[in-house]
N, C-alpha and C. Protein backbone atom coordinates (compact mmCIF):
# COMPACT_ATOMS: atom_id res chain seq x y z
N UNK A 1 114.34 98.54 101.79
CA UNK A 1 114.44 97.28 101.06
C UNK A 1 114.45 97.58 99.56
N UNK A 2 115.18 96.77 98.85
CA UNK A 2 115.17 96.84 97.39
C UNK A 2 114.76 95.49 96.82
N UNK A 3 114.14 95.56 95.66
CA UNK A 3 113.74 94.36 94.95
C UNK A 3 114.62 94.26 93.71
N UNK A 4 115.13 93.07 93.48
CA UNK A 4 115.93 92.81 92.28
C UNK A 4 115.10 91.96 91.32
N UNK A 5 114.91 92.50 90.13
CA UNK A 5 114.09 91.85 89.12
C UNK A 5 114.89 91.49 87.89
N UNK A 6 114.49 90.41 87.23
CA UNK A 6 114.97 90.10 85.88
C UNK A 6 113.80 90.35 84.95
N UNK A 7 114.02 91.18 83.93
CA UNK A 7 113.01 91.54 82.94
C UNK A 7 113.45 90.96 81.62
N UNK A 8 112.66 90.00 81.10
CA UNK A 8 113.03 89.24 79.91
C UNK A 8 112.08 89.58 78.78
N UNK A 9 112.62 89.97 77.63
CA UNK A 9 111.80 90.15 76.44
C UNK A 9 111.30 88.79 76.00
N UNK A 10 109.99 88.66 75.80
CA UNK A 10 109.39 87.40 75.37
C UNK A 10 109.69 87.19 73.89
N UNK A 11 110.86 86.61 73.61
CA UNK A 11 111.34 86.41 72.24
C UNK A 11 112.26 85.19 72.20
N UNK A 12 112.65 84.79 71.00
CA UNK A 12 113.57 83.67 70.83
C UNK A 12 114.98 84.00 71.31
N UNK A 13 115.40 85.25 71.05
CA UNK A 13 116.74 85.68 71.40
C UNK A 13 116.80 85.98 72.90
N UNK A 14 117.99 85.89 73.47
CA UNK A 14 118.19 86.26 74.86
C UNK A 14 118.34 87.77 74.96
N UNK A 15 117.31 88.42 75.49
CA UNK A 15 117.33 89.87 75.72
C UNK A 15 116.70 90.08 77.09
N UNK A 16 117.54 90.51 78.04
CA UNK A 16 116.99 90.76 79.38
C UNK A 16 117.82 91.80 80.11
N UNK A 17 117.20 92.33 81.17
CA UNK A 17 117.84 93.31 82.03
C UNK A 17 117.58 92.90 83.47
N UNK A 18 118.58 93.11 84.32
CA UNK A 18 118.42 92.94 85.77
C UNK A 18 118.42 94.32 86.38
N UNK A 19 117.33 94.64 87.06
CA UNK A 19 117.14 95.96 87.64
C UNK A 19 116.86 95.80 89.13
N UNK A 20 117.47 96.65 89.93
CA UNK A 20 117.08 96.73 91.32
C UNK A 20 116.41 98.07 91.56
N UNK A 21 115.34 98.04 92.38
CA UNK A 21 114.52 99.22 92.61
C UNK A 21 113.97 99.15 94.02
N UNK A 22 113.72 100.29 94.60
CA UNK A 22 113.20 100.32 95.96
C UNK A 22 111.80 99.71 96.02
N UNK A 23 111.55 98.97 97.09
CA UNK A 23 110.26 98.30 97.26
C UNK A 23 109.11 99.31 97.32
N UNK A 24 109.36 100.51 97.80
CA UNK A 24 108.33 101.53 97.92
C UNK A 24 108.21 102.42 96.68
N UNK A 25 108.93 102.08 95.61
CA UNK A 25 108.78 102.80 94.35
C UNK A 25 107.44 102.42 93.73
N UNK A 26 106.91 103.29 92.89
CA UNK A 26 105.65 102.98 92.21
C UNK A 26 105.92 102.15 90.96
N UNK A 27 104.85 101.54 90.45
CA UNK A 27 104.99 100.83 89.20
C UNK A 27 105.29 101.78 88.05
N UNK A 28 104.92 103.05 88.18
CA UNK A 28 105.29 104.02 87.15
C UNK A 28 106.81 104.23 87.16
N UNK A 29 107.42 104.27 88.34
CA UNK A 29 108.88 104.35 88.44
C UNK A 29 109.52 103.13 87.78
N UNK A 30 108.94 101.97 88.03
CA UNK A 30 109.44 100.72 87.47
C UNK A 30 109.29 100.74 85.94
N UNK A 31 108.13 101.19 85.45
CA UNK A 31 107.88 101.33 84.02
C UNK A 31 108.97 102.21 83.39
N UNK A 32 109.28 103.35 84.01
CA UNK A 32 110.31 104.25 83.49
C UNK A 32 111.67 103.59 83.48
N UNK A 33 112.00 102.84 84.52
CA UNK A 33 113.29 102.13 84.58
C UNK A 33 113.38 101.08 83.47
N UNK A 34 112.29 100.37 83.24
CA UNK A 34 112.29 99.33 82.20
C UNK A 34 112.46 99.96 80.82
N UNK A 35 111.66 100.99 80.52
CA UNK A 35 111.74 101.59 79.18
C UNK A 35 113.13 102.16 78.93
N UNK A 36 113.70 102.82 79.92
CA UNK A 36 115.04 103.38 79.76
C UNK A 36 116.09 102.29 79.57
N UNK A 37 115.98 101.21 80.33
CA UNK A 37 117.00 100.16 80.24
C UNK A 37 116.96 99.41 78.90
N UNK A 38 115.80 99.40 78.25
CA UNK A 38 115.69 98.75 76.95
C UNK A 38 115.80 99.73 75.79
N UNK A 39 115.93 101.03 76.08
CA UNK A 39 116.14 102.02 75.03
C UNK A 39 114.87 102.55 74.38
N UNK A 40 113.73 102.40 75.04
CA UNK A 40 112.48 102.96 74.52
C UNK A 40 112.35 104.41 74.96
N UNK A 41 111.58 105.19 74.20
CA UNK A 41 111.34 106.58 74.56
C UNK A 41 110.41 106.71 75.75
N UNK A 42 109.60 105.70 76.00
CA UNK A 42 108.70 105.72 77.15
C UNK A 42 107.43 106.50 76.91
N UNK A 43 107.09 106.78 75.66
CA UNK A 43 105.93 107.60 75.35
C UNK A 43 104.70 106.79 74.95
N UNK A 44 104.78 105.49 74.96
CA UNK A 44 103.66 104.65 74.54
C UNK A 44 102.90 104.15 75.77
N UNK A 45 101.67 103.72 75.54
CA UNK A 45 100.85 103.15 76.62
C UNK A 45 101.50 101.83 77.07
N UNK A 46 101.25 101.51 78.33
CA UNK A 46 101.84 100.29 78.88
C UNK A 46 100.97 99.81 80.04
N UNK A 47 101.10 98.54 80.36
CA UNK A 47 100.41 97.95 81.51
C UNK A 47 101.27 96.87 82.12
N UNK A 48 101.13 96.73 83.43
CA UNK A 48 101.63 95.56 84.13
C UNK A 48 100.45 94.64 84.37
N UNK A 49 100.73 93.34 84.42
CA UNK A 49 99.71 92.36 84.75
C UNK A 49 100.27 91.45 85.84
N UNK A 50 99.47 91.19 86.85
CA UNK A 50 99.87 90.19 87.81
C UNK A 50 99.91 88.86 87.07
N UNK A 51 100.75 87.95 87.52
CA UNK A 51 100.90 86.67 86.83
C UNK A 51 101.08 85.56 87.85
N UNK A 52 100.68 84.36 87.44
CA UNK A 52 100.92 83.20 88.30
C UNK A 52 102.20 82.49 87.85
N UNK A 53 102.43 81.32 88.38
CA UNK A 53 103.68 80.58 88.10
C UNK A 53 103.82 80.14 86.65
N UNK A 54 102.69 80.01 85.93
CA UNK A 54 102.77 79.57 84.53
C UNK A 54 102.55 80.74 83.57
N UNK A 55 102.77 81.95 84.05
CA UNK A 55 102.70 83.18 83.27
C UNK A 55 101.31 83.45 82.71
N UNK A 56 100.28 83.08 83.45
CA UNK A 56 98.92 83.41 83.03
C UNK A 56 98.63 84.84 83.48
N UNK A 57 98.17 85.65 82.54
CA UNK A 57 97.93 87.06 82.77
C UNK A 57 96.74 87.26 83.70
N UNK A 58 96.96 88.06 84.76
CA UNK A 58 95.90 88.36 85.72
C UNK A 58 95.51 89.81 85.68
N UNK A 59 95.28 90.40 86.85
CA UNK A 59 94.82 91.78 86.97
C UNK A 59 95.75 92.76 86.26
N UNK A 60 95.15 93.71 85.56
CA UNK A 60 95.90 94.73 84.84
C UNK A 60 96.08 95.96 85.71
N UNK A 61 97.28 96.55 85.66
CA UNK A 61 97.57 97.82 86.30
C UNK A 61 98.06 98.74 85.19
N UNK A 62 97.29 99.81 84.94
CA UNK A 62 97.47 100.64 83.75
C UNK A 62 98.37 101.85 84.03
N UNK A 63 98.96 102.36 82.96
CA UNK A 63 99.74 103.60 83.06
C UNK A 63 98.81 104.78 83.26
N UNK A 64 97.73 104.84 82.46
CA UNK A 64 96.71 105.88 82.58
C UNK A 64 95.35 105.22 82.53
N UNK A 65 94.44 105.64 83.41
CA UNK A 65 93.09 105.11 83.38
C UNK A 65 92.30 105.88 82.33
N UNK A 66 92.05 105.24 81.19
CA UNK A 66 91.35 105.87 80.09
C UNK A 66 89.85 105.57 80.13
N UNK A 67 89.42 104.71 81.04
CA UNK A 67 88.01 104.34 81.16
C UNK A 67 87.30 105.32 82.07
N UNK A 68 86.48 106.16 81.51
CA UNK A 68 85.76 107.13 82.31
C UNK A 68 84.82 106.42 83.27
N UNK A 69 84.90 106.82 84.53
CA UNK A 69 84.00 106.26 85.53
C UNK A 69 84.38 104.89 86.03
N UNK A 70 85.46 104.31 85.55
CA UNK A 70 85.88 102.99 86.02
C UNK A 70 86.99 103.16 87.04
N UNK A 71 86.60 103.28 88.29
CA UNK A 71 87.57 103.48 89.35
C UNK A 71 88.20 102.18 89.84
N UNK A 72 87.73 101.05 89.31
CA UNK A 72 88.24 99.77 89.80
C UNK A 72 89.61 99.42 89.24
N UNK A 73 90.05 100.11 88.18
CA UNK A 73 91.37 99.86 87.62
C UNK A 73 92.45 100.47 88.50
N UNK A 74 93.49 99.72 88.76
CA UNK A 74 94.63 100.30 89.47
C UNK A 74 95.53 101.02 88.46
N UNK A 75 96.16 102.08 88.93
CA UNK A 75 97.01 102.92 88.09
C UNK A 75 98.43 102.82 88.62
N UNK A 76 99.40 102.81 87.70
CA UNK A 76 100.80 102.63 88.08
C UNK A 76 101.30 103.65 89.10
N UNK A 77 100.94 104.92 88.95
CA UNK A 77 101.49 105.94 89.83
C UNK A 77 100.89 105.90 91.24
N UNK A 78 99.87 105.06 91.45
CA UNK A 78 99.26 104.89 92.76
C UNK A 78 99.50 103.50 93.35
N UNK A 79 100.26 102.68 92.63
CA UNK A 79 100.50 101.30 93.04
C UNK A 79 101.98 101.10 93.30
N UNK A 80 102.31 100.62 94.49
CA UNK A 80 103.70 100.44 94.88
C UNK A 80 104.14 99.00 94.55
N UNK A 81 105.41 98.86 94.25
CA UNK A 81 105.95 97.57 93.85
C UNK A 81 105.70 96.51 94.92
N UNK A 82 105.90 96.87 96.19
CA UNK A 82 105.72 95.87 97.25
C UNK A 82 104.25 95.51 97.50
N UNK A 83 103.32 96.20 96.84
CA UNK A 83 101.91 95.83 96.91
C UNK A 83 101.56 94.71 95.94
N UNK A 84 102.39 94.54 94.90
CA UNK A 84 102.06 93.55 93.86
C UNK A 84 103.07 92.42 93.75
N UNK A 85 104.21 92.55 94.42
CA UNK A 85 105.20 91.48 94.39
C UNK A 85 105.75 91.23 95.78
N UNK A 86 106.05 89.99 96.05
CA UNK A 86 106.72 89.57 97.28
C UNK A 86 107.22 88.14 97.06
N UNK A 87 107.66 87.49 98.12
CA UNK A 87 108.24 86.15 97.96
C UNK A 87 107.22 85.13 97.47
N UNK A 88 105.93 85.37 97.70
CA UNK A 88 104.90 84.43 97.24
C UNK A 88 104.32 84.83 95.88
N UNK A 89 104.42 86.09 95.50
CA UNK A 89 103.95 86.61 94.21
C UNK A 89 105.14 87.23 93.49
N UNK A 90 105.85 86.41 92.70
CA UNK A 90 107.13 86.85 92.14
C UNK A 90 107.07 87.24 90.67
N UNK A 91 105.95 87.02 90.00
CA UNK A 91 105.93 87.24 88.55
C UNK A 91 104.94 88.31 88.13
N UNK A 92 105.39 89.10 87.15
CA UNK A 92 104.57 90.11 86.51
C UNK A 92 104.78 90.00 85.01
N UNK A 93 103.81 90.45 84.26
CA UNK A 93 103.95 90.60 82.81
C UNK A 93 103.85 92.08 82.53
N UNK A 94 104.71 92.58 81.65
CA UNK A 94 104.71 94.00 81.30
C UNK A 94 104.56 94.10 79.79
N UNK A 95 103.59 94.89 79.35
CA UNK A 95 103.37 95.11 77.92
C UNK A 95 103.56 96.59 77.64
N UNK A 96 104.45 96.88 76.72
CA UNK A 96 104.76 98.25 76.33
C UNK A 96 104.36 98.45 74.87
N UNK A 97 103.66 99.53 74.58
CA UNK A 97 103.27 99.90 73.22
C UNK A 97 102.25 98.89 72.67
N UNK A 98 100.97 99.21 72.88
CA UNK A 98 99.91 98.27 72.52
C UNK A 98 99.74 98.08 71.02
N UNK A 99 100.43 98.86 70.21
CA UNK A 99 100.42 98.63 68.76
C UNK A 99 101.41 97.52 68.43
N UNK A 100 102.63 97.63 68.96
CA UNK A 100 103.68 96.65 68.67
C UNK A 100 103.74 95.50 69.67
N UNK A 101 103.11 95.68 70.83
CA UNK A 101 102.98 94.63 71.84
C UNK A 101 104.34 94.06 72.30
N UNK A 102 105.24 94.95 72.72
CA UNK A 102 106.48 94.47 73.34
C UNK A 102 106.10 93.84 74.67
N UNK A 103 106.35 92.56 74.82
CA UNK A 103 105.92 91.82 75.99
C UNK A 103 107.14 91.33 76.78
N UNK A 104 107.12 91.60 78.08
CA UNK A 104 108.23 91.25 78.95
C UNK A 104 107.74 90.41 80.11
N UNK A 105 108.51 89.41 80.46
CA UNK A 105 108.24 88.57 81.62
C UNK A 105 109.17 89.05 82.73
N UNK A 106 108.58 89.37 83.87
CA UNK A 106 109.34 89.94 84.98
C UNK A 106 109.28 88.99 86.16
N UNK A 107 110.44 88.72 86.74
CA UNK A 107 110.46 87.85 87.92
C UNK A 107 111.31 88.47 89.01
N UNK A 108 110.75 88.47 90.21
CA UNK A 108 111.47 88.93 91.38
C UNK A 108 112.54 87.90 91.71
N UNK A 109 113.80 88.32 91.70
CA UNK A 109 114.91 87.40 91.94
C UNK A 109 115.39 87.46 93.38
N UNK A 110 115.29 88.64 94.02
CA UNK A 110 115.84 88.78 95.36
C UNK A 110 115.25 90.01 96.04
N UNK A 111 115.17 89.96 97.36
CA UNK A 111 114.82 91.10 98.18
C UNK A 111 116.03 91.33 99.09
N UNK A 112 116.55 92.55 99.09
CA UNK A 112 117.79 92.82 99.83
C UNK A 112 117.71 94.18 100.51
N UNK A 113 118.69 94.45 101.32
CA UNK A 113 118.81 95.77 101.96
C UNK A 113 119.41 96.74 100.95
N UNK A 114 118.97 97.97 101.00
CA UNK A 114 119.54 98.98 100.09
C UNK A 114 120.93 99.38 100.59
N UNK A 115 121.73 99.84 99.65
CA UNK A 115 123.06 100.31 99.97
C UNK A 115 123.05 101.82 99.93
N UNK A 116 123.58 102.47 100.95
CA UNK A 116 123.52 103.92 101.06
C UNK A 116 124.13 104.65 99.88
N UNK A 117 125.23 104.15 99.36
CA UNK A 117 125.92 104.86 98.27
C UNK A 117 125.31 104.58 96.88
N UNK A 118 124.36 103.67 96.80
CA UNK A 118 123.75 103.30 95.52
C UNK A 118 122.47 104.10 95.29
N UNK A 119 122.30 104.60 94.07
CA UNK A 119 121.04 105.25 93.71
C UNK A 119 120.15 104.23 93.00
N UNK A 120 118.85 104.37 93.18
CA UNK A 120 117.88 103.44 92.62
C UNK A 120 116.85 104.21 91.80
N UNK A 121 116.35 103.60 90.73
CA UNK A 121 116.62 102.25 90.25
C UNK A 121 118.01 102.12 89.67
N UNK A 122 118.49 100.90 89.67
CA UNK A 122 119.85 100.61 89.23
C UNK A 122 119.83 99.47 88.22
N UNK A 123 120.35 99.72 87.02
CA UNK A 123 120.51 98.67 86.03
C UNK A 123 121.76 97.90 86.40
N UNK A 124 121.57 96.66 86.83
CA UNK A 124 122.69 95.84 87.29
C UNK A 124 123.37 95.08 86.15
N UNK A 125 122.56 94.63 85.18
CA UNK A 125 123.09 93.73 84.17
C UNK A 125 122.21 93.82 82.93
N UNK A 126 122.81 93.78 81.75
CA UNK A 126 122.07 93.82 80.49
C UNK A 126 122.63 92.82 79.52
N UNK A 127 121.73 92.05 78.90
CA UNK A 127 122.11 91.07 77.89
C UNK A 127 121.25 91.28 76.66
N UNK A 128 121.86 91.36 75.51
CA UNK A 128 121.15 91.44 74.24
C UNK A 128 120.61 92.83 73.93
N UNK A 129 120.33 93.01 72.64
CA UNK A 129 119.76 94.25 72.14
C UNK A 129 118.32 94.02 71.71
N UNK A 130 117.52 95.04 71.90
CA UNK A 130 116.12 94.99 71.44
C UNK A 130 116.13 94.87 69.92
N UNK A 131 115.35 93.94 69.36
CA UNK A 131 115.26 93.88 67.90
C UNK A 131 114.57 95.12 67.34
N UNK A 132 114.71 95.35 66.04
CA UNK A 132 114.11 96.54 65.43
C UNK A 132 112.59 96.47 65.42
N UNK A 133 112.02 95.28 65.35
CA UNK A 133 110.56 95.11 65.43
C UNK A 133 110.25 94.14 66.56
N UNK A 134 109.08 94.31 67.14
CA UNK A 134 108.72 93.45 68.27
C UNK A 134 108.50 92.01 67.80
N UNK A 135 108.84 91.06 68.64
CA UNK A 135 108.62 89.65 68.30
C UNK A 135 107.12 89.40 68.10
N UNK A 136 106.79 88.65 67.06
CA UNK A 136 105.39 88.36 66.77
C UNK A 136 104.89 87.25 67.67
N UNK A 137 103.64 87.41 68.09
CA UNK A 137 103.01 86.43 68.96
C UNK A 137 101.85 85.79 68.23
N UNK A 138 101.61 84.53 68.53
CA UNK A 138 100.43 83.86 68.02
C UNK A 138 99.51 83.65 69.20
N UNK A 139 98.39 84.36 69.18
CA UNK A 139 97.45 84.30 70.30
C UNK A 139 96.42 83.22 70.02
N UNK A 140 96.44 82.17 70.85
CA UNK A 140 95.52 81.05 70.71
C UNK A 140 94.86 80.84 72.06
N UNK A 141 93.55 80.73 72.04
CA UNK A 141 92.83 80.50 73.29
C UNK A 141 93.21 79.15 73.84
N UNK A 142 93.42 79.09 75.16
CA UNK A 142 93.85 77.85 75.81
C UNK A 142 92.77 76.77 75.78
N UNK A 143 91.50 77.18 75.90
CA UNK A 143 90.42 76.22 76.06
C UNK A 143 89.83 75.73 74.75
N UNK A 144 90.12 76.39 73.66
CA UNK A 144 89.46 76.03 72.41
C UNK A 144 90.37 75.21 71.52
N UNK A 145 89.72 74.42 70.69
CA UNK A 145 90.42 73.68 69.65
C UNK A 145 89.86 74.15 68.33
N UNK A 146 90.66 74.14 67.29
CA UNK A 146 90.23 74.66 66.00
C UNK A 146 89.00 73.93 65.49
N UNK A 147 88.86 72.62 65.76
CA UNK A 147 87.72 71.85 65.28
C UNK A 147 86.42 72.26 65.95
N UNK A 148 86.48 72.86 67.13
CA UNK A 148 85.28 73.26 67.87
C UNK A 148 84.80 74.66 67.48
N UNK A 149 85.46 75.32 66.57
CA UNK A 149 85.12 76.69 66.22
C UNK A 149 83.79 76.72 65.49
N UNK A 150 82.83 77.54 66.00
CA UNK A 150 81.50 77.58 65.39
C UNK A 150 81.28 78.85 64.58
N UNK A 151 82.27 79.70 64.44
CA UNK A 151 82.15 80.94 63.69
C UNK A 151 82.52 80.74 62.24
N UNK A 152 82.77 81.84 61.57
CA UNK A 152 83.17 81.81 60.17
C UNK A 152 84.67 81.93 60.05
N UNK A 153 85.23 81.23 59.08
CA UNK A 153 86.63 81.38 58.76
C UNK A 153 86.76 82.47 57.71
N UNK A 154 87.93 83.13 57.62
CA UNK A 154 88.08 84.26 56.68
C UNK A 154 87.68 83.93 55.24
N UNK A 155 87.93 82.73 54.79
CA UNK A 155 87.58 82.37 53.41
C UNK A 155 86.07 82.22 53.21
N UNK A 156 85.27 82.25 54.27
CA UNK A 156 83.82 82.15 54.17
C UNK A 156 83.12 83.51 54.18
N UNK A 157 83.87 84.60 54.34
CA UNK A 157 83.26 85.93 54.41
C UNK A 157 82.65 86.36 53.09
N UNK A 158 83.11 85.83 51.97
CA UNK A 158 82.60 86.24 50.65
C UNK A 158 81.12 85.89 50.48
N UNK A 159 80.63 84.90 51.22
CA UNK A 159 79.24 84.45 51.09
C UNK A 159 78.26 85.31 51.89
N UNK A 160 78.74 86.29 52.61
CA UNK A 160 77.88 87.11 53.47
C UNK A 160 77.59 88.42 52.78
N UNK A 161 76.29 88.82 52.78
CA UNK A 161 75.93 90.12 52.27
C UNK A 161 75.80 91.07 53.44
N UNK A 162 76.84 91.82 53.70
CA UNK A 162 76.86 92.71 54.86
C UNK A 162 75.86 93.85 54.71
N UNK A 163 75.56 94.28 53.50
CA UNK A 163 74.67 95.42 53.28
C UNK A 163 73.25 95.15 53.78
N UNK A 164 72.79 93.93 53.77
CA UNK A 164 71.41 93.64 54.19
C UNK A 164 71.22 93.89 55.69
N UNK A 165 72.29 93.95 56.46
CA UNK A 165 72.17 94.16 57.91
C UNK A 165 72.45 95.60 58.33
N UNK A 166 72.75 96.46 57.36
CA UNK A 166 73.01 97.85 57.70
C UNK A 166 71.72 98.61 57.85
N UNK A 167 71.65 99.54 58.79
CA UNK A 167 70.43 100.37 58.99
C UNK A 167 70.48 101.61 58.16
């Protein structure tokens, strides 16, 4: 079986790739296919996140487990595509390069039989070019409103003497 995915850069411009990959491929294989199809070197940290229908980020699956002693994290090279996607779980979020935060929305479009003469992964379709810099995101908590904020705003930092709290 092969899975056909549409990988969309989360940006104003239309930039996406359609990739087909074997269901038994690992998420590391998928990561490599995505980075190559968008022209990245593939040398930066990356993670997949399970997602629901409204693109809410769920469980993280990491490229490398950097947390010592934390065996609860799933790792891409040990996680198969068909373990995290199927007809009922069709969406993933992929973040490449945690400094620039290239964010991609991935949706399973089709599950089909593989073709003997085709090699996988296969870039089926490409639209748009990656911009020179990653699209900027504004991260706002869903549950909070600005009026309910009980912390300090940046313009209030001048009134704090940080030295009195240093040991």
